[in-house]
Amino acid sequence: MAEYDLRRMQEEAVLRAREMQSRARFPHPPGGGQGRGKAAASEKSSPPPKEPPPPKEEGALAALFQDKERTVILALVLLLSQEEGHEDLLFALLFLLL
């Protein structure tokens, strides 16, 4: 009888492991385990979400000045390009802009 219990426990362990693997492959949305049936039913009845409007097209200058750090680096590049003897620093700043 001990062999029967051992085999039954092994089979149950295999079933639990397979169940956990199937749950890991298809994760459920966050929100808890209780009430999933009601949430799924309400999601099916609700209309599909509307697509957000496409982003506005901005000019090239507006795109350059969206990031403050890039703007500061661009200003430094412009200032250093007018002076002589700072080529290595100028190239380093240009590398940061990449």
Protein backbone atom coordinates (compact mmCIF):
# COMPACT_ATOMS: atom_id res chain seq x y z
CA MET A 1 0.00 0.00 0.00
CA ALA A 2 2.95 2.34 0.61
CA GLU A 3 3.98 1.91 -3.03
CA TYR A 4 0.47 2.88 -4.13
CA ASP A 5 0.58 6.07 -2.03
CA LEU A 6 4.03 6.93 -3.32
CA ARG A 7 2.96 6.45 -6.97
CA ARG A 8 -0.23 8.49 -6.41
CA MET A 9 1.75 11.32 -4.83
CA GLN A 10 4.21 11.28 -7.74
CA GLU A 11 1.37 11.47 -10.26
CA GLU A 12 -0.20 14.36 -8.36
CA ALA A 13 3.14 16.15 -8.28
CA VAL A 14 3.52 15.71 -12.04
CA LEU A 15 0.01 17.07 -12.61
CA ARG A 16 0.70 20.09 -10.38
CA ALA A 17 3.99 20.77 -12.18
CA ARG A 18 2.26 20.65 -15.57
CA GLU A 19 -0.48 22.96 -14.32
CA MET A 20 2.09 25.46 -13.05
CA GLN A 21 3.94 25.33 -16.37
CA SER A 22 0.75 25.98 -18.32
CA ARG A 23 -0.04 28.92 -16.04
CA ALA A 24 3.46 30.31 -16.58
CA ARG A 25 3.08 30.12 -20.35
CA PHE A 26 -0.19 32.06 -20.35
CA PRO A 27 -0.07 34.62 -17.53
CA HIS A 28 -3.35 36.04 -16.36
CA PRO A 29 -3.87 39.82 -16.28
CA PRO A 30 -3.25 41.41 -12.87
CA GLY A 31 -6.19 41.96 -10.60
CA GLY A 32 -6.36 38.89 -8.41
CA GLY A 33 -7.63 35.38 -8.86
CA GLN A 34 -11.18 35.89 -7.60
CA GLY A 35 -13.81 37.27 -9.90
CA ARG A 36 -11.99 36.33 -13.08
CA GLY A 37 -15.12 34.90 -14.65
CA LYS A 38 -17.07 38.11 -14.09
CA ALA A 39 -14.22 40.28 -15.33
CA ALA A 40 -13.82 38.17 -18.46
CA ALA A 41 -17.53 38.39 -19.18
CA SER A 42 -17.57 42.17 -18.78
CA GLU A 43 -14.52 42.52 -21.03
CA LYS A 44 -16.23 40.57 -23.80
CA SER A 45 -19.31 42.77 -23.70
CA SER A 46 -17.43 46.07 -23.70
CA PRO A 47 -16.58 47.67 -27.06
CA PRO A 48 -12.98 47.57 -28.24
CA PRO A 49 -10.85 50.51 -27.06
CA LYS A 50 -10.49 53.44 -29.43
CA GLU A 51 -7.12 54.01 -31.01
CA PRO A 52 -5.29 57.11 -29.78
CA PRO A 53 -4.91 59.91 -32.32
CA PRO A 54 -1.68 59.83 -34.29
CA PRO A 55 1.09 62.01 -32.85
CA LYS A 56 1.39 65.48 -34.29
CA GLU A 57 4.17 65.92 -36.77
CA GLU A 58 6.69 68.43 -35.53
CA GLY A 59 9.53 70.08 -37.29
CA ALA A 60 13.12 68.95 -37.03
CA LEU A 61 14.01 71.79 -34.67
CA ALA A 62 11.17 70.97 -32.31
CA ALA A 63 12.32 67.36 -32.17
CA LEU A 64 15.86 68.46 -31.31
CA PHE A 65 14.75 70.57 -28.36
CA GLN A 66 12.48 68.02 -26.69
CA ASP A 67 15.33 66.47 -24.71
CA LYS A 68 16.99 68.98 -22.35
CA GLU A 69 20.30 67.13 -22.18
CA ARG A 70 20.61 67.06 -25.97
CA THR A 71 19.79 70.74 -26.11
CA VAL A 72 22.62 71.57 -23.70
CA ILE A 73 25.06 69.41 -25.66
CA LEU A 74 23.99 71.06 -28.92
CA ALA A 75 24.55 74.49 -27.39
CA LEU A 76 28.03 73.45 -26.26
CA VAL A 77 28.80 72.10 -29.73
CA LEU A 78 27.75 75.41 -31.28
CA LEU A 79 29.84 77.43 -28.83
CA LEU A 80 32.92 75.25 -29.17
CA SER A 81 32.69 75.10 -32.96
CA GLN A 82 33.33 78.87 -33.09
CA GLU A 83 36.54 78.60 -31.05
CA GLU A 84 39.74 76.95 -32.12
CA GLY A 85 41.68 74.26 -30.27
CA HIS A 86 38.74 72.25 -28.89
CA GLU A 87 38.38 69.62 -31.60
CA ASP A 88 38.74 66.66 -29.26
CA LEU A 89 36.05 68.00 -26.93
CA LEU A 90 33.84 68.80 -29.91
CA PHE A 91 34.10 65.23 -31.18
CA ALA A 92 33.37 63.87 -27.72
CA LEU A 93 30.19 65.94 -27.53
CA LEU A 94 29.15 64.84 -31.00
CA PHE A 95 29.67 61.24 -29.90
CA LEU A 96 27.32 61.83 -26.97
CA LEU A 97 24.65 63.02 -29.36
CA LEU A 98 24.62 59.67 -31.17
